Amino acid sequence: MKLAFASLLFALTCFAQEPRPPQPRLPEGIAVKRDIEYVTGGGKRRMLDVYFPEKAGKPVPLVVWIHGGAWSAGSKDRTPAIALLDQGFAVASVTYRFSQDAVFPAQIEDCKSAIRWLRKNAAQYNIDPEKIGVWGSSAGGHLVAMLGVSGDVKDWDKGENLDQSSRVQAVCDWFGPSNLLTFGPQGGNDRPNGARPFPATDAADSPEGKLIGGAVPDNKEKAKAASPTTYVTKDDAPFLIVHGDKDPLVPHAQSKELHELLEKTGVPTKLIILPGAGHGGPQFNSRETMSQVEEFFAKTLKK
């Protein structure tokens, strides 16, 4: 059942937003609260859904899904993380301001606000506030990586619930950009003009350029500030990184670079390169890949 859920709900793991499939049936005993504003007056761009055990009991670990969509599209309404519900996790799914609404660091500020809100309200949803993991793909992979390495970066903790920490305890990054300064040379400037004709990474109208408000080569300090590799320290959360070696949009060298830096710094990290896989697709929903995701969160959040 859990793999069927994951396969059905993979629509948002790519840059482009896909048509929405019907809502799946949730496992027995799971309730859901939708469209919760985690920033007062934040509107639809700053909302989250929470899937949680209906009956009170021992608080359970939480995995937060952050969707992709080139930082300019996507929806919280579909998350493969609900496959974790019958494994004893609660799940939240978060959306955030898009680059056409506000440039970086608005997106990571929103994600941190969501984590603080979830900690503040953990008891209401039977969540263990000390065991929060994050999982995302593509642009969402970038944002969960940013959460994982920025627990000690206080400049992005703004707004409400500042008495709560935005630090997370585990990160599963699916094919997210990790260093905007090396993205183009590693292959981001060679994107095909095919089904998803995004401009080259170094162009001002690329997703990366729109994220930081200008072309990467002309805004190197902004690009550095928006790169997870900038913030890696030895106290960061453990990482599981998964990337396809045929990804036409985000070079898998991005994930290798982040993994090698984490490893060198002493952060627990595992990199899985899926042979023949592109920017998402069925190999990410395979029994083997999903089992490794489940095992990672069990190891990091249930100990």
C-alpha atoms as a PDB file:
ATOM      1  CA  MET A   1       0.000   0.000   0.000  1.00  0.00           C
ATOM      2  CA  LYS A   2       2.743   2.467   0.928  1.00  0.00           C
ATOM      3  CA  LEU A   3       4.490   2.072  -2.425  1.00  0.00           C
ATOM      4  CA  ALA A   4       1.202   2.478  -4.262  1.00  0.00           C
ATOM      5  CA  PHE A   5       0.677   5.755  -2.427  1.00  0.00           C
ATOM      6  CA  ALA A   6       4.154   6.964  -3.346  1.00  0.00           C
ATOM      7  CA  SER A   7       3.769   6.028  -6.994  1.00  0.00           C
ATOM      8  CA  LEU A   8       0.406   7.760  -7.228  1.00  0.00           C
ATOM      9  CA  LEU A   9       1.593  10.960  -5.577  1.00  0.00           C
ATOM     10  CA  PHE A  10       4.825  11.671  -7.386  1.00  0.00           C
ATOM     11  CA  ALA A  11       3.410  14.402  -9.643  1.00  0.00           C
ATOM     12  CA  LEU A  12       5.307  17.258  -8.032  1.00  0.00           C
ATOM     13  CA  THR A  13       8.823  15.892  -7.864  1.00  0.00           C
ATOM     14  CA  CYS A  14       9.809  17.676 -11.074  1.00  0.00           C
ATOM     15  CA  PHE A  15      10.320  21.354 -11.818  1.00  0.00           C
ATOM     16  CA  ALA A  16       7.058  21.673 -13.725  1.00  0.00           C
ATOM     17  CA  GLN A  17       3.701  21.282 -12.022  1.00  0.00           C
ATOM     18  CA  GLU A  18       1.703  18.282 -13.248  1.00  0.00           C
ATOM     19  CA  PRO A  19      -2.080  17.689 -13.332  1.00  0.00           C
ATOM     20  CA  ARG A  20      -3.365  16.646  -9.927  1.00  0.00           C
ATOM     21  CA  PRO A  21      -4.530  13.069  -9.412  1.00  0.00           C
ATOM     22  CA  PRO A  22      -7.440  12.309  -7.054  1.00  0.00           C
ATOM     23  CA  GLN A  23      -6.811  12.495  -3.320  1.00  0.00           C
ATOM     24  CA  PRO A  24      -5.778   9.059  -2.035  1.00  0.00           C
ATOM     25  CA  ARG A  25      -7.453   7.335   0.876  1.00  0.00           C
ATOM     26  CA  LEU A  26      -5.469   7.791   4.074  1.00  0.00           C
ATOM     27  CA  PRO A  27      -4.478   4.877   6.312  1.00  0.00           C
ATOM     28  CA  GLU A  28      -6.929   4.026   9.077  1.00  0.00           C
ATOM     29  CA  GLY A  29      -6.535   6.169  12.183  1.00  0.00           C
ATOM     30  CA  ILE A  30      -4.945   9.113  10.345  1.00  0.00           C
ATOM     31  CA  ALA A  31      -6.566  12.544  10.348  1.00  0.00           C
ATOM     32  CA  VAL A  32      -5.650  15.531   8.202  1.00  0.00           C
ATOM     33  CA  LYS A  33      -5.938  19.284   8.731  1.00  0.00           C
ATOM     34  CA  ARG A  34      -5.481  21.290   5.543  1.00  0.00           C
ATOM     35  CA  ASP A  35      -4.713  24.869   4.587  1.00  0.00           C
ATOM     36  CA  ILE A  36      -3.322  25.993   7.925  1.00  0.00           C
ATOM     37  CA  GLU A  37      -1.610  29.373   7.822  1.00  0.00           C
ATOM     38  CA  TYR A  38       1.755  28.982   9.513  1.00  0.00           C
ATOM     39  CA  VAL A  39       2.286  32.754   9.189  1.00  0.00           C
ATOM     40  CA  THR A  40      -0.601  34.910  10.360  1.00  0.00           C
ATOM     41  CA  GLY A  41      -2.145  36.484   7.272  1.00  0.00           C
ATOM     42  CA  GLY A  42       0.357  34.636   5.085  1.00  0.00           C
ATOM     43  CA  GLY A  43      -2.294  33.569   2.582  1.00  0.00           C
ATOM     44  CA  LYS A  44      -2.224  30.543   0.312  1.00  0.00           C
ATOM     45  CA  ARG A  45       1.518  30.714  -0.310  1.00  0.00           C
ATOM     46  CA  ARG A  46       2.260  30.168   3.384  1.00  0.00           C
ATOM     47  CA  MET A  47       0.064  27.246   4.306  1.00  0.00           C
ATOM     48  CA  LEU A  48       0.611  23.658   5.344  1.00  0.00           C
ATOM     49  CA  ASP A  49      -1.308  20.412   5.725  1.00  0.00           C
ATOM     50  CA  VAL A  50      -0.761  18.042   8.661  1.00  0.00           C
ATOM     51  CA  TYR A  51      -1.454  14.289   8.586  1.00  0.00           C
ATOM     52  CA  PHE A  52      -1.400  12.854  12.103  1.00  0.00           C
ATOM     53  CA  PRO A  53      -2.658  10.005  14.329  1.00  0.00           C
ATOM     54  CA  GLU A  54      -6.220  10.715  15.459  1.00  0.00           C
ATOM     55  CA  LYS A  55      -5.851   9.057  18.852  1.00  0.00           C
ATOM     56  CA  ALA A  56      -3.550  10.577  21.404  1.00  0.00           C
ATOM     57  CA  GLY A  57      -0.647   8.407  22.447  1.00  0.00           C
ATOM     58  CA  LYS A  58       3.107   8.530  22.403  1.00  0.00           C
ATOM     59  CA  PRO A  59       4.176  11.472  20.203  1.00  0.00           C
ATOM     60  CA  VAL A  60       5.462  10.353  16.802  1.00  0.00           C
ATOM     61  CA  PRO A  61       8.273  11.674  14.595  1.00  0.00           C
ATOM     62  CA  LEU A  62       7.325  14.123  11.848  1.00  0.00           C
ATOM     63  CA  VAL A  63       8.493  14.227   8.231  1.00  0.00           C
ATOM     64  CA  VAL A  64       7.860  17.507   6.413  1.00  0.00           C
ATOM     65  CA  TRP A  65       7.518  17.443   2.608  1.00  0.00           C
ATOM     66  CA  ILE A  66       8.545  20.556   0.636  1.00  0.00           C
ATOM     67  CA  HIS A  67       7.456  20.471  -2.999  1.00  0.00           C
ATOM     68  CA  GLY A  68       9.400  21.341  -6.123  1.00  0.00           C
ATOM     69  CA  GLY A  69       8.371  23.542  -9.023  1.00  0.00           C
ATOM     70  CA  ALA A  70      11.390  25.705  -9.961  1.00  0.00           C
ATOM     71  CA  TRP A  71      10.634  27.898  -6.913  1.00  0.00           C
ATOM     72  CA  SER A  72       7.761  29.315  -8.960  1.00  0.00           C
ATOM     73  CA  ALA A  73       5.079  26.589  -9.071  1.00  0.00           C
ATOM     74  CA  GLY A  74       3.950  23.405  -7.372  1.00  0.00           C
ATOM     75  CA  SER A  75       1.532  22.502  -4.614  1.00  0.00           C
ATOM     76  CA  LYS A  76       1.490  21.082  -1.110  1.00  0.00           C
ATOM     77  CA  ASP A  77      -1.584  19.010  -2.029  1.00  0.00           C
ATOM     78  CA  ARG A  78       0.386  16.018  -3.293  1.00  0.00           C
ATOM     79  CA  THR A  79       3.160  14.452  -1.266  1.00  0.00           C
ATOM     80  CA  PRO A  80       4.856  11.051  -1.549  1.00  0.00           C
ATOM     81  CA  ALA A  81       5.626  11.388   2.170  1.00  0.00           C
ATOM     82  CA  ILE A  82       2.189  10.030   3.072  1.00  0.00           C
ATOM     83  CA  ALA A  83       3.714   6.619   2.342  1.00  0.00           C
ATOM     84  CA  LEU A  84       5.369   7.088   5.750  1.00  0.00           C
ATOM     85  CA  LEU A  85       2.076   7.362   7.656  1.00  0.00           C
ATOM     86  CA  ASP A  86       1.685   3.627   8.134  1.00  0.00           C
ATOM     87  CA  GLN A  87       5.314   3.473   9.304  1.00  0.00           C
ATOM     88  CA  GLY A  88       4.545   5.442  12.461  1.00  0.00           C
ATOM     89  CA  PHE A  89       5.297   8.971  11.267  1.00  0.00           C
ATOM     90  CA  ALA A  90       3.217  12.096  11.114  1.00  0.00           C
ATOM     91  CA  VAL A  91       3.554  14.081   7.882  1.00  0.00           C
ATOM     92  CA  ALA A  92       3.262  17.757   6.997  1.00  0.00           C
ATOM     93  CA  SER A  93       3.285  19.270   3.511  1.00  0.00           C
ATOM     94  CA  VAL A  94       4.343  22.878   3.089  1.00  0.00           C
ATOM     95  CA  THR A  95       4.150  25.541   0.408  1.00  0.00           C
ATOM     96  CA  TYR A  96       6.044  28.816   0.361  1.00  0.00           C
ATOM     97  CA  ARG A  97       6.322  32.127  -1.484  1.00  0.00           C
ATOM     98  CA  PHE A  98       7.347  31.689  -5.091  1.00  0.00           C
ATOM     99  CA  SER A  99      10.133  33.627  -6.792  1.00  0.00           C
ATOM    100  CA  GLN A 100       7.590  35.772  -8.650  1.00  0.00           C
ATOM    101  CA  ASP A 101       6.241  36.819  -5.230  1.00  0.00           C
ATOM    102  CA  ALA A 102       9.556  37.400  -3.466  1.00  0.00           C
ATOM    103  CA  VAL A 103      13.190  36.532  -4.161  1.00  0.00           C
ATOM    104  CA  PHE A 104      15.491  34.503  -1.918  1.00  0.00           C
ATOM    105  CA  PRO A 105      15.710  34.293   1.109  1.00  0.00           C
ATOM    106  CA  ALA A 106      11.895  34.502   1.303  1.00  0.00           C
ATOM    107  CA  GLN A 107      11.578  30.787   0.511  1.00  0.00           C
ATOM    108  CA  ILE A 108      13.874  29.545   3.283  1.00  0.00           C
ATOM    109  CA  GLU A 109      12.408  32.052   5.720  1.00  0.00           C
ATOM    110  CA  ASP A 110       9.000  30.538   5.018  1.00  0.00           C
ATOM    111  CA  CYS A 111      10.241  26.967   5.448  1.00  0.00           C
ATOM    112  CA  LYS A 112      11.819  27.885   8.768  1.00  0.00           C
ATOM    113  CA  SER A 113       8.585  29.575   9.843  1.00  0.00           C
ATOM    114  CA  ALA A 114       6.719  26.363   9.042  1.00  0.00           C
ATOM    115  CA  ILE A 115       9.126  24.264  11.138  1.00  0.00           C
ATOM    116  CA  ARG A 116       8.769  26.652  14.091  1.00  0.00           C
ATOM    117  CA  TRP A 117       4.964  26.592  13.778  1.00  0.00           C
ATOM    118  CA  LEU A 118       4.953  22.798  13.737  1.00  0.00           C
ATOM    119  CA  ARG A 119       7.105  22.676  16.869  1.00  0.00           C
ATOM    120  CA  LYS A 120       4.888  25.223  18.628  1.00  0.00           C
ATOM    121  CA  ASN A 121       1.783  23.165  17.854  1.00  0.00           C
ATOM    122  CA  ALA A 122       3.313  19.695  18.125  1.00  0.00           C
ATOM    123  CA  ALA A 123       1.180  18.555  21.062  1.00  0.00           C
ATOM    124  CA  GLN A 124      -2.040  19.319  19.174  1.00  0.00           C
ATOM    125  CA  TYR A 125      -1.040  16.901  16.411  1.00  0.00           C
ATOM    126  CA  ASN A 126       0.649  14.236  18.568  1.00  0.00           C
ATOM    127  CA  ILE A 127       4.072  15.134  17.117  1.00  0.00           C
ATOM    128  CA  ASP A 128       7.419  14.742  18.837  1.00  0.00           C
ATOM    129  CA  PRO A 129       8.972  18.229  18.448  1.00  0.00           C
ATOM    130  CA  GLU A 130      12.479  16.841  18.932  1.00  0.00           C
ATOM    131  CA  LYS A 131      12.225  14.536  15.915  1.00  0.00           C
ATOM    132  CA  ILE A 132      11.491  16.470  12.746  1.00  0.00           C
ATOM    133  CA  GLY A 133      12.833  15.414   9.370  1.00  0.00           C
ATOM    134  CA  VAL A 134      12.413  17.077   5.985  1.00  0.00           C
ATOM    135  CA  TRP A 135      12.100  15.649   2.478  1.00  0.00           C
ATOM    136  CA  GLY A 136      11.822  17.451  -0.837  1.00  0.00           C
ATOM    137  CA  SER A 137      12.542  17.192  -4.537  1.00  0.00           C
ATOM    138  CA  SER A 138      14.144  19.558  -7.036  1.00  0.00           C
ATOM    139  CA  ALA A 139      13.534  23.100  -5.747  1.00  0.00           C
ATOM    140  CA  GLY A 140      12.124  21.428  -2.655  1.00  0.00           C
ATOM    141  CA  GLY A 141      15.318  19.379  -2.408  1.00  0.00           C
ATOM    142  CA  HIS A 142      17.263  22.630  -2.395  1.00  0.00           C
ATOM    143  CA  LEU A 143      15.081  24.021   0.394  1.00  0.00           C
ATOM    144  CA  VAL A 144      15.289  20.943   2.621  1.00  0.00           C
ATOM    145  CA  ALA A 145      19.059  20.951   2.157  1.00  0.00           C
ATOM    146  CA  MET A 146      19.056  24.595   3.214  1.00  0.00           C
ATOM    147  CA  LEU A 147      17.062  23.671   6.317  1.00  0.00           C
ATOM    148  CA  GLY A 148      19.499  20.900   7.099  1.00  0.00           C
ATOM    149  CA  VAL A 149      22.603  23.091   6.998  1.00  0.00           C
ATOM    150  CA  SER A 150      21.206  26.326   8.441  1.00  0.00           C
ATOM    151  CA  GLY A 151      20.200  25.356  11.958  1.00  0.00           C
ATOM    152  CA  ASP A 152      22.822  27.821  13.177  1.00  0.00           C
ATOM    153  CA  VAL A 153      21.870  30.591  10.712  1.00  0.00           C
ATOM    154  CA  LYS A 154      19.645  32.934  12.703  1.00  0.00           C
ATOM    155  CA  ASP A 155      19.196  35.637  10.052  1.00  0.00           C
ATOM    156  CA  TRP A 156      16.450  33.587   8.386  1.00  0.00           C
ATOM    157  CA  ASP A 157      14.397  33.087  11.557  1.00  0.00           C
ATOM    158  CA  LYS A 158      11.940  35.929  11.226  1.00  0.00           C
ATOM    159  CA  GLY A 159       8.352  36.560  12.237  1.00  0.00           C
ATOM    160  CA  GLU A 160       6.404  34.397  14.672  1.00  0.00           C
ATOM    161  CA  ASN A 161       7.213  31.584  17.118  1.00  0.00           C
ATOM    162  CA  LEU A 162      10.783  32.723  17.523  1.00  0.00           C
ATOM    163  CA  ASP A 163      10.927  30.872  20.846  1.00  0.00           C
ATOM    164  CA  GLN A 164      10.993  27.673  18.766  1.00  0.00           C
ATOM    165  CA  SER A 165      13.956  26.214  16.886  1.00  0.00           C
ATOM    166  CA  SER A 166      13.910  25.794  13.097  1.00  0.00           C
ATOM    167  CA  ARG A 167      16.620  23.130  13.231  1.00  0.00           C
ATOM    168  CA  VAL A 168      15.746  19.744  11.707  1.00  0.00           C
ATOM    169  CA  GLN A 169      17.048  16.294  12.598  1.00  0.00           C
ATOM    170  CA  ALA A 170      17.161  14.592   9.173  1.00  0.00           C
ATOM    171  CA  VAL A 171      17.194  15.588   5.487  1.00  0.00           C
ATOM    172  CA  CYS A 172      16.188  13.589   2.415  1.00  0.00           C
ATOM    173  CA  ASP A 173      17.186  15.607  -0.649  1.00  0.00           C
ATOM    174  CA  TRP A 174      15.930  14.379  -4.020  1.00  0.00           C
ATOM    175  CA  PHE A 175      17.866  15.982  -6.907  1.00  0.00           C
ATOM    176  CA  GLY A 176      18.036  19.492  -5.447  1.00  0.00           C
ATOM    177  CA  PRO A 177      20.516  22.178  -6.523  1.00  0.00           C
ATOM    178  CA  SER A 178      23.294  22.608  -3.977  1.00  0.00           C
ATOM    179  CA  ASN A 179      25.682  25.239  -5.347  1.00  0.00           C
ATOM    180  CA  LEU A 180      24.391  27.853  -7.778  1.00  0.00           C
ATOM    181  CA  LEU A 181      27.930  28.980  -8.585  1.00  0.00           C
ATOM    182  CA  THR A 182      28.925  25.570  -9.966  1.00  0.00           C
ATOM    183  CA  PHE A 183      25.488  24.605 -11.307  1.00  0.00           C
ATOM    184  CA  GLY A 184      25.997  26.106 -14.765  1.00  0.00           C
ATOM    185  CA  PRO A 185      29.497  24.740 -15.440  1.00  0.00           C
ATOM    186  CA  GLN A 186      28.449  21.281 -14.207  1.00  0.00           C
ATOM    187  CA  GLY A 187      25.753  21.071 -16.874  1.00  0.00           C
ATOM    188  CA  GLY A 188      23.013  23.531 -15.963  1.00  0.00           C
ATOM    189  CA  ASN A 189      23.989  25.668 -18.945  1.00  0.00           C
ATOM    190  CA  ASP A 190      23.371  22.741 -21.291  1.00  0.00           C
ATOM    191  CA  ARG A 191      19.695  22.146 -20.638  1.00  0.00           C
ATOM    192  CA  PRO A 192      17.934  20.613 -23.632  1.00  0.00           C
ATOM    193  CA  ASN A 193      15.279  22.576 -25.491  1.00  0.00           C
ATOM    194  CA  GLY A 194      12.902  19.666 -25.163  1.00  0.00           C
ATOM    195  CA  ALA A 195       9.866  18.994 -23.006  1.00  0.00           C
ATOM    196  CA  ARG A 196      10.999  21.407 -20.298  1.00  0.00           C
ATOM    197  CA  PRO A 197      12.831  24.236 -22.074  1.00  0.00           C
ATOM    198  CA  PHE A 198      14.208  26.088 -19.064  1.00  0.00           C
ATOM    199  CA  PRO A 199      16.894  28.628 -19.954  1.00  0.00           C
ATOM    200  CA  ALA A 200      20.506  27.951 -19.021  1.00  0.00           C
ATOM    201  CA  THR A 201      21.244  28.253 -15.309  1.00  0.00           C
ATOM    202  CA  ASP A 202      23.354  31.372 -15.800  1.00  0.00           C
ATOM    203  CA  ALA A 203      20.560  33.251 -17.598  1.00  0.00           C
ATOM    204  CA  ALA A 204      18.621  35.918 -15.711  1.00  0.00           C
ATOM    205  CA  ASP A 205      15.300  34.303 -16.681  1.00  0.00           C
ATOM    206  CA  SER A 206      16.302  30.802 -15.545  1.00  0.00           C
ATOM    207  CA  PRO A 207      14.647  29.422 -12.391  1.00  0.00           C
ATOM    208  CA  GLU A 208      17.895  30.050 -10.520  1.00  0.00           C
ATOM    209  CA  GLY A 209      18.171  33.596 -11.842  1.00  0.00           C
ATOM    210  CA  LYS A 210      14.578  34.340 -10.891  1.00  0.00           C
ATOM    211  CA  LEU A 211      15.201  32.902  -7.431  1.00  0.00           C
ATOM    212  CA  ILE A 212      18.002  35.346  -6.627  1.00  0.00           C
ATOM    213  CA  GLY A 213      16.747  38.253  -8.739  1.00  0.00           C
ATOM    214  CA  GLY A 214      19.339  38.245 -11.536  1.00  0.00           C
ATOM    215  CA  ALA A 215      21.809  36.210 -13.557  1.00  0.00           C
ATOM    216  CA  VAL A 216      24.057  34.039 -11.402  1.00  0.00           C
ATOM    217  CA  PRO A 217      27.373  35.291 -12.935  1.00  0.00           C
ATOM    218  CA  ASP A 218      26.335  38.877 -12.186  1.00  0.00           C
ATOM    219  CA  ASN A 219      25.152  38.129  -8.658  1.00  0.00           C
ATOM    220  CA  LYS A 220      27.742  35.789  -7.209  1.00  0.00           C
ATOM    221  CA  GLU A 221      27.254  36.820  -3.590  1.00  0.00           C
ATOM    222  CA  LYS A 222      23.493  36.258  -3.854  1.00  0.00           C
ATOM    223  CA  ALA A 223      24.092  32.917  -5.549  1.00  0.00           C
ATOM    224  CA  LYS A 224      26.502  31.906  -2.794  1.00  0.00           C
ATOM    225  CA  ALA A 225      23.996  32.949  -0.130  1.00  0.00           C
ATOM    226  CA  ALA A 226      21.325  30.778  -1.785  1.00  0.00           C
ATOM    227  CA  SER A 227      23.549  27.673  -1.922  1.00  0.00           C
ATOM    228  CA  PRO A 228      23.425  24.913   0.735  1.00  0.00           C
ATOM    229  CA  THR A 229      27.160  24.260   0.297  1.00  0.00           C
ATOM    230  CA  THR A 230      27.852  27.679   1.820  1.00  0.00           C
ATOM    231  CA  TYR A 231      26.552  26.699   5.263  1.00  0.00           C
ATOM    232  CA  VAL A 232      27.800  23.162   5.888  1.00  0.00           C
ATOM    233  CA  THR A 233      29.143  22.642   9.426  1.00  0.00           C
ATOM    234  CA  LYS A 234      29.826  19.515  11.445  1.00  0.00           C
ATOM    235  CA  ASP A 235      26.652  19.862  13.558  1.00  0.00           C
ATOM    236  CA  ASP A 236      24.301  19.640  10.559  1.00  0.00           C
ATOM    237  CA  ALA A 237      21.527  17.058  10.262  1.00  0.00           C
ATOM    238  CA  PRO A 238      22.205  13.660   8.616  1.00  0.00           C
ATOM    239  CA  PHE A 239      21.520  13.589   4.857  1.00  0.00           C
ATOM    240  CA  LEU A 240      20.180  11.064   2.364  1.00  0.00           C
ATOM    241  CA  ILE A 241      20.697  12.398  -1.175  1.00  0.00           C
ATOM    242  CA  VAL A 242      19.171  10.719  -4.231  1.00  0.00           C
ATOM    243  CA  HIS A 243      19.797  11.803  -7.836  1.00  0.00           C
ATOM    244  CA  GLY A 244      19.462  10.338 -11.321  1.00  0.00           C
ATOM    245  CA  ASP A 245      22.559  10.259 -13.503  1.00  0.00           C
ATOM    246  CA  LYS A 246      20.501  11.281 -16.569  1.00  0.00           C
ATOM    247  CA  ASP A 247      18.878  14.316 -14.955  1.00  0.00           C
ATOM    248  CA  PRO A 248      18.570  16.965 -17.726  1.00  0.00           C
ATOM    249  CA  LEU A 249      17.674  19.843 -15.395  1.00  0.00           C
ATOM    250  CA  VAL A 250      19.826  19.533 -12.265  1.00  0.00           C
ATOM    251  CA  PRO A 251      23.224  17.893 -12.901  1.00  0.00           C
ATOM    252  CA  HIS A 252      23.876  14.989 -10.543  1.00  0.00           C
ATOM    253  CA  ALA A 253      27.287  16.564  -9.937  1.00  0.00           C
ATOM    254  CA  GLN A 254      25.391  18.984  -7.681  1.00  0.00           C
ATOM    255  CA  SER A 255      24.454  16.164  -5.329  1.00  0.00           C
ATOM    256  CA  LYS A 256      27.954  14.699  -5.477  1.00  0.00           C
ATOM    257  CA  GLU A 257      29.429  18.049  -4.526  1.00  0.00           C
ATOM    258  CA  LEU A 258      27.137  18.435  -1.519  1.00  0.00           C
ATOM    259  CA  HIS A 259      27.663  14.840  -0.398  1.00  0.00           C
ATOM    260  CA  GLU A 260      31.452  15.121  -0.599  1.00  0.00           C
ATOM    261  CA  LEU A 261      31.435  18.374   1.372  1.00  0.00           C
ATOM    262  CA  LEU A 262      29.175  16.919   4.069  1.00  0.00           C
ATOM    263  CA  GLU A 263      31.366  13.824   4.290  1.00  0.00           C
ATOM    264  CA  LYS A 264      34.556  15.876   4.516  1.00  0.00           C
ATOM    265  CA  THR A 265      33.017  18.009   7.266  1.00  0.00           C
ATOM    266  CA  GLY A 266      31.947  14.982   9.298  1.00  0.00           C
ATOM    267  CA  VAL A 267      28.186  15.091   8.694  1.00  0.00           C
ATOM    268  CA  PRO A 268      26.519  11.659   8.265  1.00  0.00           C
ATOM    269  CA  THR A 269      25.557  11.418   4.602  1.00  0.00           C
ATOM    270  CA  LYS A 270      24.596   8.837   2.008  1.00  0.00           C
ATOM    271  CA  LEU A 271      24.424   9.452  -1.739  1.00  0.00           C
ATOM    272  CA  ILE A 272      22.395   7.241  -4.067  1.00  0.00           C
ATOM    273  CA  ILE A 273      22.873   7.762  -7.813  1.00  0.00           C
ATOM    274  CA  LEU A 274      20.118   6.038  -9.804  1.00  0.00           C
ATOM    275  CA  PRO A 275      21.464   4.800 -13.161  1.00  0.00           C
ATOM    276  CA  GLY A 276      19.372   5.982 -16.092  1.00  0.00           C
ATOM    277  CA  ALA A 277      17.005   8.076 -13.950  1.00  0.00           C
ATOM    278  CA  GLY A 278      16.080  11.597 -14.966  1.00  0.00           C
ATOM    279  CA  HIS A 279      14.526  14.480 -13.051  1.00  0.00           C
ATOM    280  CA  GLY A 280      12.169  12.295 -11.066  1.00  0.00           C
ATOM    281  CA  GLY A 281      10.342   9.328 -12.504  1.00  0.00           C
ATOM    282  CA  PRO A 282       9.520   5.727 -11.606  1.00  0.00           C
ATOM    283  CA  GLN A 283      12.950   4.808 -10.289  1.00  0.00           C
ATOM    284  CA  PHE A 284      12.441   7.221  -7.424  1.00  0.00           C
ATOM    285  CA  ASN A 285       9.187   5.437  -6.551  1.00  0.00           C
ATOM    286  CA  SER A 286      10.674   1.955  -6.775  1.00  0.00           C
ATOM    287  CA  ARG A 287      10.474  -0.409  -3.830  1.00  0.00           C
ATOM    288  CA  GLU A 288      14.241  -0.206  -3.360  1.00  0.00           C
ATOM    289  CA  THR A 289      14.427   3.603  -3.322  1.00  0.00           C
ATOM    290  CA  MET A 290      11.374   4.105  -1.119  1.00  0.00           C
ATOM    291  CA  SER A 291      12.621   1.462   1.310  1.00  0.00           C
ATOM    292  CA  GLN A 292      15.896   3.335   1.669  1.00  0.00           C
ATOM    293  CA  VAL A 293      14.001   6.558   2.379  1.00  0.00           C
ATOM    294  CA  GLU A 294      11.917   4.809   5.023  1.00  0.00           C
ATOM    295  CA  GLU A 295      14.986   3.204   6.584  1.00  0.00           C
ATOM    296  CA  PHE A 296      16.779   6.553   6.664  1.00  0.00           C
ATOM    297  CA  PHE A 297      13.986   8.303   8.543  1.00  0.00           C
ATOM    298  CA  ALA A 298      13.518   5.341  10.880  1.00  0.00           C
ATOM    299  CA  LYS A 299      17.224   5.385  11.727  1.00  0.00           C
ATOM    300  CA  THR A 300      17.475   9.144  12.231  1.00  0.00           C
ATOM    301  CA  LEU A 301      14.111   9.939  13.839  1.00  0.00           C
ATOM    302  CA  LYS A 302      13.067   6.823  15.757  1.00  0.00           C
ATOM    303  CA  LYS A 303      16.236   6.097  17.701  1.00  0.00           C
END
